[in-house]
Amino acid sequence: MEMIITGNRNSITDEYLGEIRDISIQSDPMRFRENLKRLGELFAYEISKTLRYEEKAVTTPLGVAKVPRMVQQPVLATILRAGLPMHEGMLRIFDRAESCFISAYRKYTEDHSFAIEFEYMSSPSLDGKVVILSDPMLASGMSMEISYHALLSKGSPSHIHLVSLIASQQGVDYISEKIADPRVTLWLGAVDEGMNSKSYIVPGLGDAGDLAYGAKIDSK
């Protein structure tokens, strides 16, 4: 599995990553969601460079131009609910893409540990297609692993791009161990060293879903 980190390169990606981390800016949910959308657009642009293109003739008002055109749009998959703004940003770039939605969440026990519950998936056939699976945070890595295997139940993709804005080193190590698939590329904005006792990334940014859509009652 290849890993690509797009942050810390002195680009606009770093500006938006800084804003989604900033507690003073996080108080504006609309701004937080918009920054997630912007980052989704930027990651989509970077991934677009890896896709297949063919030269095609395009008729203009003054003649015919030969330009590279995308052979096939990817399938955009995301994990509800935190992944929705990034998904929307990617749809702005891949505007004819099919979509896949996965419902997975942390189910906590009395001792404050948790397991990932997979409930639902809506997906087209993925046979021979490029899939982009986005989730803003890669903490423990378990949600991403479960979602990856869920994708494989819908066909055999030609390539899978896993995208997270901020990851923990533990999550990166977990995914690297559990997903030994040469078809997979892991795209990250930044990697933070730690997680706290609730498996939230430190320094991270908090709960992306809550910041985007409001606080929730944790599942018991």
C-alpha atoms as a PDB file:
ATOM      1  CA  MET A   1       0.000   0.000   0.000  1.00  0.00           C
ATOM      2  CA  GLU A   2       1.348   3.376  -1.029  1.00  0.00           C
ATOM      3  CA  MET A   3       0.960   6.361   1.336  1.00  0.00           C
ATOM      4  CA  ILE A   4       0.951  10.004   0.208  1.00  0.00           C
ATOM      5  CA  ILE A   5       0.906  12.959   2.644  1.00  0.00           C
ATOM      6  CA  THR A   6      -0.202  16.197   0.995  1.00  0.00           C
ATOM      7  CA  GLY A   7       0.243  18.520   3.989  1.00  0.00           C
ATOM      8  CA  ASN A   8       3.341  20.335   5.259  1.00  0.00           C
ATOM      9  CA  ARG A   9       4.250  21.380   1.716  1.00  0.00           C
ATOM     10  CA  ASN A  10       3.476  25.090   2.101  1.00  0.00           C
ATOM     11  CA  SER A  11       0.319  24.967   0.006  1.00  0.00           C
ATOM     12  CA  ILE A  12      -3.286  26.084   0.452  1.00  0.00           C
ATOM     13  CA  THR A  13      -3.958  22.574   1.826  1.00  0.00           C
ATOM     14  CA  ASP A  14      -1.995  23.567   4.945  1.00  0.00           C
ATOM     15  CA  GLU A  15      -4.087  26.732   5.347  1.00  0.00           C
ATOM     16  CA  TYR A  16      -7.347  24.776   5.348  1.00  0.00           C
ATOM     17  CA  LEU A  17      -5.925  22.043   7.603  1.00  0.00           C
ATOM     18  CA  GLY A  18      -4.888  24.787  10.027  1.00  0.00           C
ATOM     19  CA  GLU A  19      -8.374  26.292   9.976  1.00  0.00           C
ATOM     20  CA  ILE A  20     -10.197  23.026  10.695  1.00  0.00           C
ATOM     21  CA  ARG A  21      -7.884  22.506  13.688  1.00  0.00           C
ATOM     22  CA  ASP A  22      -8.319  26.075  15.028  1.00  0.00           C
ATOM     23  CA  ILE A  23     -10.750  26.115  17.970  1.00  0.00           C
ATOM     24  CA  SER A  24     -11.669  29.746  17.316  1.00  0.00           C
ATOM     25  CA  ILE A  25     -12.680  28.996  13.714  1.00  0.00           C
ATOM     26  CA  GLN A  26     -14.394  25.700  14.618  1.00  0.00           C
ATOM     27  CA  SER A  27     -17.113  27.683  16.408  1.00  0.00           C
ATOM     28  CA  ASP A  28     -18.575  28.465  12.967  1.00  0.00           C
ATOM     29  CA  PRO A  29     -20.048  25.153  11.686  1.00  0.00           C
ATOM     30  CA  MET A  30     -20.627  26.549   8.189  1.00  0.00           C
ATOM     31  CA  ARG A  31     -16.966  27.574   7.897  1.00  0.00           C
ATOM     32  CA  PHE A  32     -15.874  24.168   9.217  1.00  0.00           C
ATOM     33  CA  ARG A  33     -18.012  22.332   6.655  1.00  0.00           C
ATOM     34  CA  GLU A  34     -16.816  24.604   3.863  1.00  0.00           C
ATOM     35  CA  ASN A  35     -13.186  23.885   4.717  1.00  0.00           C
ATOM     36  CA  LEU A  36     -13.891  20.144   4.639  1.00  0.00           C
ATOM     37  CA  LYS A  37     -15.456  20.623   1.199  1.00  0.00           C
ATOM     38  CA  ARG A  38     -12.442  22.612   0.009  1.00  0.00           C
ATOM     39  CA  LEU A  39     -10.080  19.920   1.221  1.00  0.00           C
ATOM     40  CA  GLY A  40     -12.211  17.313  -0.525  1.00  0.00           C
ATOM     41  CA  GLU A  41     -11.760  19.296  -3.739  1.00  0.00           C
ATOM     42  CA  LEU A  42      -7.990  19.504  -3.277  1.00  0.00           C
ATOM     43  CA  PHE A  43      -7.613  15.776  -2.629  1.00  0.00           C
ATOM     44  CA  ALA A  44      -9.847  15.021  -5.610  1.00  0.00           C
ATOM     45  CA  TYR A  45      -7.612  17.168  -7.803  1.00  0.00           C
ATOM     46  CA  GLU A  46      -4.474  15.344  -6.625  1.00  0.00           C
ATOM     47  CA  ILE A  47      -6.087  11.946  -7.165  1.00  0.00           C
ATOM     48  CA  SER A  48      -7.271  13.013 -10.623  1.00  0.00           C
ATOM     49  CA  LYS A  49      -3.626  13.046 -11.728  1.00  0.00           C
ATOM     50  CA  THR A  50      -3.459   9.273 -11.168  1.00  0.00           C
ATOM     51  CA  LEU A  51      -6.486   8.375 -13.313  1.00  0.00           C
ATOM     52  CA  ARG A  52      -6.555   7.191 -16.926  1.00  0.00           C
ATOM     53  CA  TYR A  53      -7.008   9.649 -19.787  1.00  0.00           C
ATOM     54  CA  GLU A  54      -7.398   9.313 -23.538  1.00  0.00           C
ATOM     55  CA  GLU A  55      -6.839  11.982 -26.162  1.00  0.00           C
ATOM     56  CA  LYS A  56     -10.138  12.962 -27.773  1.00  0.00           C
ATOM     57  CA  ALA A  57     -11.207  15.503 -30.356  1.00  0.00           C
ATOM     58  CA  VAL A  58     -13.314  18.359 -28.999  1.00  0.00           C
ATOM     59  CA  THR A  59     -15.134  20.678 -31.364  1.00  0.00           C
ATOM     60  CA  THR A  60     -14.731  24.368 -30.501  1.00  0.00           C
ATOM     61  CA  PRO A  61     -16.401  27.365 -32.224  1.00  0.00           C
ATOM     62  CA  LEU A  62     -13.207  27.778 -34.270  1.00  0.00           C
ATOM     63  CA  GLY A  63     -12.074  24.236 -34.969  1.00  0.00           C
ATOM     64  CA  VAL A  64     -11.141  20.957 -33.325  1.00  0.00           C
ATOM     65  CA  ALA A  65      -8.829  20.570 -30.320  1.00  0.00           C
ATOM     66  CA  LYS A  66      -7.262  17.302 -29.191  1.00  0.00           C
ATOM     67  CA  VAL A  67      -7.305  17.127 -25.398  1.00  0.00           C
ATOM     68  CA  PRO A  68      -6.872  14.402 -22.745  1.00  0.00           C
ATOM     69  CA  ARG A  69     -10.250  13.309 -21.348  1.00  0.00           C
ATOM     70  CA  MET A  70     -10.918  11.093 -18.353  1.00  0.00           C
ATOM     71  CA  VAL A  71     -11.695   7.528 -19.376  1.00  0.00           C
ATOM     72  CA  GLN A  72     -13.971   6.824 -16.416  1.00  0.00           C
ATOM     73  CA  GLN A  73     -15.130   8.813 -13.409  1.00  0.00           C
ATOM     74  CA  PRO A  74     -14.338   7.216 -10.027  1.00  0.00           C
ATOM     75  CA  VAL A  75     -16.906   6.029  -7.510  1.00  0.00           C
ATOM     76  CA  LEU A  76     -16.951   8.303  -4.453  1.00  0.00           C
ATOM     77  CA  ALA A  77     -17.536   6.483  -1.167  1.00  0.00           C
ATOM     78  CA  THR A  78     -17.785   7.999   2.288  1.00  0.00           C
ATOM     79  CA  ILE A  79     -18.511   7.039   5.879  1.00  0.00           C
ATOM     80  CA  LEU A  80     -21.568   8.719   7.419  1.00  0.00           C
ATOM     81  CA  ARG A  81     -21.870  11.310   8.826  1.00  0.00           C
ATOM     82  CA  ALA A  82     -18.545  13.118   9.153  1.00  0.00           C
ATOM     83  CA  GLY A  83     -17.494  12.264   5.605  1.00  0.00           C
ATOM     84  CA  LEU A  84     -20.397  14.085   3.917  1.00  0.00           C
ATOM     85  CA  PRO A  85     -18.738  17.524   3.458  1.00  0.00           C
ATOM     86  CA  MET A  86     -15.583  15.989   1.956  1.00  0.00           C
ATOM     87  CA  HIS A  87     -17.783  13.858  -0.273  1.00  0.00           C
ATOM     88  CA  GLU A  88     -19.596  16.966  -1.488  1.00  0.00           C
ATOM     89  CA  GLY A  89     -16.276  18.650  -2.225  1.00  0.00           C
ATOM     90  CA  MET A  90     -15.114  15.684  -4.262  1.00  0.00           C
ATOM     91  CA  LEU A  91     -18.399  15.693  -6.163  1.00  0.00           C
ATOM     92  CA  ARG A  92     -17.653  19.262  -7.224  1.00  0.00           C
ATOM     93  CA  ILE A  93     -14.576  17.914  -9.033  1.00  0.00           C
ATOM     94  CA  PHE A  94     -15.827  14.494 -10.169  1.00  0.00           C
ATOM     95  CA  ASP A  95     -19.277  15.861 -11.026  1.00  0.00           C
ATOM     96  CA  ARG A  96     -20.525  12.770 -12.849  1.00  0.00           C
ATOM     97  CA  ALA A  97     -19.256  10.232 -10.307  1.00  0.00           C
ATOM     98  CA  GLU A  98     -21.379   7.493  -8.777  1.00  0.00           C
ATOM     99  CA  SER A  99     -21.640   7.517  -4.996  1.00  0.00           C
ATOM    100  CA  CYS A 100     -21.419   4.955  -2.210  1.00  0.00           C
ATOM    101  CA  PHE A 101     -22.477   5.571   1.402  1.00  0.00           C
ATOM    102  CA  ILE A 102     -21.415   3.496   4.394  1.00  0.00           C
ATOM    103  CA  SER A 103     -22.950   3.668   7.866  1.00  0.00           C
ATOM    104  CA  ALA A 104     -20.386   2.739  10.526  1.00  0.00           C
ATOM    105  CA  TYR A 105     -20.065   4.110  14.036  1.00  0.00           C
ATOM    106  CA  ARG A 106     -18.397   3.605  17.404  1.00  0.00           C
ATOM    107  CA  LYS A 107     -20.498   1.587  19.857  1.00  0.00           C
ATOM    108  CA  TYR A 108     -19.179   2.156  23.380  1.00  0.00           C
ATOM    109  CA  THR A 109     -19.274  -0.301  26.275  1.00  0.00           C
ATOM    110  CA  GLU A 110     -19.528   0.406  30.007  1.00  0.00           C
ATOM    111  CA  ASP A 111     -15.733   0.403  30.380  1.00  0.00           C
ATOM    112  CA  HIS A 112     -15.528   3.150  27.677  1.00  0.00           C
ATOM    113  CA  SER A 113     -13.983   0.837  25.093  1.00  0.00           C
ATOM    114  CA  PHE A 114     -15.732   0.575  21.739  1.00  0.00           C
ATOM    115  CA  ALA A 115     -16.276  -1.568  18.688  1.00  0.00           C
ATOM    116  CA  ILE A 116     -17.123  -0.386  15.193  1.00  0.00           C
ATOM    117  CA  GLU A 117     -20.690  -1.231  14.200  1.00  0.00           C
ATOM    118  CA  PHE A 118     -21.387  -1.588  10.473  1.00  0.00           C
ATOM    119  CA  GLU A 119     -25.074  -1.043   9.708  1.00  0.00           C
ATOM    120  CA  TYR A 120     -25.761  -0.162   6.105  1.00  0.00           C
ATOM    121  CA  MET A 121     -24.196   0.368   2.688  1.00  0.00           C
ATOM    122  CA  SER A 122     -25.619   1.822  -0.519  1.00  0.00           C
ATOM    123  CA  SER A 123     -23.317   1.243  -3.487  1.00  0.00           C
ATOM    124  CA  PRO A 124     -23.203   0.645  -7.234  1.00  0.00           C
ATOM    125  CA  SER A 125     -21.197  -2.259  -8.622  1.00  0.00           C
ATOM    126  CA  LEU A 126     -17.502  -1.577  -8.104  1.00  0.00           C
ATOM    127  CA  ASP A 127     -16.128  -4.122 -10.570  1.00  0.00           C
ATOM    128  CA  GLY A 128     -13.193  -2.651 -12.477  1.00  0.00           C
ATOM    129  CA  LYS A 129     -13.766   0.858 -11.096  1.00  0.00           C
ATOM    130  CA  VAL A 130     -11.564   3.305  -9.216  1.00  0.00           C
ATOM    131  CA  VAL A 131     -13.014   3.996  -5.757  1.00  0.00           C
ATOM    132  CA  ILE A 132     -12.226   6.947  -3.489  1.00  0.00           C
ATOM    133  CA  LEU A 133     -13.199   6.312   0.151  1.00  0.00           C
ATOM    134  CA  SER A 134     -13.083   9.458   2.301  1.00  0.00           C
ATOM    135  CA  ASP A 135     -13.376  10.012   6.051  1.00  0.00           C
ATOM    136  CA  PRO A 136     -11.932  13.160   7.694  1.00  0.00           C
ATOM    137  CA  MET A 137     -10.223  11.381  10.607  1.00  0.00           C
ATOM    138  CA  LEU A 138      -8.189   8.171  10.697  1.00  0.00           C
ATOM    139  CA  ALA A 139      -7.952   7.490  14.447  1.00  0.00           C
ATOM    140  CA  SER A 140      -7.869   3.798  15.369  1.00  0.00           C
ATOM    141  CA  GLY A 141      -8.207   2.813  11.703  1.00  0.00           C
ATOM    142  CA  MET A 142     -10.976   0.304  12.405  1.00  0.00           C
ATOM    143  CA  SER A 143     -13.737   2.220  10.585  1.00  0.00           C
ATOM    144  CA  MET A 144     -11.597   2.537   7.491  1.00  0.00           C
ATOM    145  CA  GLU A 145     -10.686  -1.160   7.557  1.00  0.00           C
ATOM    146  CA  ILE A 146     -14.320  -2.272   7.934  1.00  0.00           C
ATOM    147  CA  SER A 147     -15.384   0.096   5.151  1.00  0.00           C
ATOM    148  CA  TYR A 148     -12.612  -1.182   2.872  1.00  0.00           C
ATOM    149  CA  HIS A 149     -13.847  -4.761   3.272  1.00  0.00           C
ATOM    150  CA  ALA A 150     -17.432  -3.617   2.741  1.00  0.00           C
ATOM    151  CA  LEU A 151     -16.386  -2.096  -0.588  1.00  0.00           C
ATOM    152  CA  LEU A 152     -14.931  -5.423  -1.694  1.00  0.00           C
ATOM    153  CA  SER A 153     -18.342  -7.033  -1.172  1.00  0.00           C
ATOM    154  CA  LYS A 154     -19.645  -4.911  -4.063  1.00  0.00           C
ATOM    155  CA  GLY A 155     -17.126  -6.049  -6.644  1.00  0.00           C
ATOM    156  CA  SER A 156     -13.418  -5.967  -7.442  1.00  0.00           C
ATOM    157  CA  PRO A 157     -12.235  -2.362  -7.896  1.00  0.00           C
ATOM    158  CA  SER A 158      -9.229  -1.636 -10.095  1.00  0.00           C
ATOM    159  CA  HIS A 159      -7.888   0.730  -7.419  1.00  0.00           C
ATOM    160  CA  ILE A 160      -9.000   2.117  -4.053  1.00  0.00           C
ATOM    161  CA  HIS A 161      -7.902   5.514  -2.725  1.00  0.00           C
ATOM    162  CA  LEU A 162      -8.375   5.918   1.045  1.00  0.00           C
ATOM    163  CA  VAL A 163      -8.480   9.608   2.039  1.00  0.00           C
ATOM    164  CA  SER A 164      -8.284  11.154   5.519  1.00  0.00           C
ATOM    165  CA  LEU A 165      -7.359  14.696   6.470  1.00  0.00           C
ATOM    166  CA  ILE A 166      -5.737  13.916   9.827  1.00  0.00           C
ATOM    167  CA  ALA A 167      -4.500  10.521  11.009  1.00  0.00           C
ATOM    168  CA  SER A 168      -2.921   9.162  14.150  1.00  0.00           C
ATOM    169  CA  GLN A 169       0.307   7.242  13.784  1.00  0.00           C
ATOM    170  CA  GLN A 170      -1.456   4.292  15.407  1.00  0.00           C
ATOM    171  CA  GLY A 171      -4.165   4.419  12.760  1.00  0.00           C
ATOM    172  CA  VAL A 172      -1.608   4.535   9.957  1.00  0.00           C
ATOM    173  CA  ASP A 173       0.222   1.545  11.439  1.00  0.00           C
ATOM    174  CA  TYR A 174      -3.065  -0.363  11.819  1.00  0.00           C
ATOM    175  CA  ILE A 175      -4.156   0.252   8.226  1.00  0.00           C
ATOM    176  CA  SER A 176      -0.704  -0.606   6.904  1.00  0.00           C
ATOM    177  CA  GLU A 177      -0.875  -3.952   8.731  1.00  0.00           C
ATOM    178  CA  LYS A 178      -4.499  -4.840   7.971  1.00  0.00           C
ATOM    179  CA  ILE A 179      -4.726  -3.703   4.328  1.00  0.00           C
ATOM    180  CA  ALA A 180      -1.874  -5.317   2.424  1.00  0.00           C
ATOM    181  CA  ASP A 181      -3.366  -4.574  -0.977  1.00  0.00           C
ATOM    182  CA  PRO A 182      -1.259  -3.183  -3.848  1.00  0.00           C
ATOM    183  CA  ARG A 183      -4.432  -1.648  -5.307  1.00  0.00           C
ATOM    184  CA  VAL A 184      -4.739   0.711  -2.317  1.00  0.00           C
ATOM    185  CA  THR A 185      -3.280   4.209  -1.924  1.00  0.00           C
ATOM    186  CA  LEU A 186      -3.612   6.008   1.424  1.00  0.00           C
ATOM    187  CA  TRP A 187      -3.869   9.816   1.110  1.00  0.00           C
ATOM    188  CA  LEU A 188      -3.409  11.936   4.247  1.00  0.00           C
ATOM    189  CA  GLY A 189      -3.178  15.615   5.057  1.00  0.00           C
ATOM    190  CA  ALA A 190      -1.214  15.183   8.283  1.00  0.00           C
ATOM    191  CA  VAL A 191      -0.174  12.478  10.746  1.00  0.00           C
ATOM    192  CA  ASP A 192      -0.362  13.227  14.494  1.00  0.00           C
ATOM    193  CA  GLU A 193       1.560  11.149  16.994  1.00  0.00           C
ATOM    194  CA  GLY A 194      -0.994  10.403  19.681  1.00  0.00           C
ATOM    195  CA  MET A 195      -4.518   9.416  20.724  1.00  0.00           C
ATOM    196  CA  ASN A 196      -6.214  10.016  24.067  1.00  0.00           C
ATOM    197  CA  SER A 197      -8.035   7.487  26.250  1.00  0.00           C
ATOM    198  CA  LYS A 198     -11.168   7.811  24.086  1.00  0.00           C
ATOM    199  CA  SER A 199      -9.169   7.147  20.902  1.00  0.00           C
ATOM    200  CA  TYR A 200      -9.455  10.706  19.640  1.00  0.00           C
ATOM    201  CA  ILE A 201      -6.443  12.002  17.729  1.00  0.00           C
ATOM    202  CA  VAL A 202      -4.153  14.392  19.662  1.00  0.00           C
ATOM    203  CA  PRO A 203      -3.730  17.232  18.857  1.00  0.00           C
ATOM    204  CA  GLY A 204      -6.190  16.419  16.048  1.00  0.00           C
ATOM    205  CA  LEU A 205      -9.234  18.677  15.890  1.00  0.00           C
ATOM    206  CA  GLY A 206     -11.943  16.989  17.959  1.00  0.00           C
ATOM    207  CA  ASP A 207     -15.008  15.209  16.562  1.00  0.00           C
ATOM    208  CA  ALA A 208     -15.401  16.195  12.899  1.00  0.00           C
ATOM    209  CA  GLY A 209     -19.013  15.023  12.730  1.00  0.00           C
ATOM    210  CA  ASP A 210     -20.018  17.041  15.800  1.00  0.00           C
ATOM    211  CA  LEU A 211     -18.212  20.144  14.544  1.00  0.00           C
ATOM    212  CA  ALA A 212     -19.927  19.894  11.175  1.00  0.00           C
ATOM    213  CA  TYR A 213     -23.444  18.895  12.250  1.00  0.00           C
ATOM    214  CA  GLY A 214     -23.818  19.272  16.027  1.00  0.00           C
ATOM    215  CA  ALA A 215     -23.210  17.119  19.078  1.00  0.00           C
ATOM    216  CA  LYS A 216     -24.735  13.648  19.274  1.00  0.00           C
ATOM    217  CA  ILE A 217     -25.575  11.150  21.989  1.00  0.00           C
ATOM    218  CA  ASP A 218     -23.033   8.315  21.793  1.00  0.00           C
ATOM    219  CA  SER A 219     -24.409   4.866  21.029  1.00  0.00           C
ATOM    220  CA  LYS A 220     -24.331   2.499  24.007  1.00  0.00           C
END
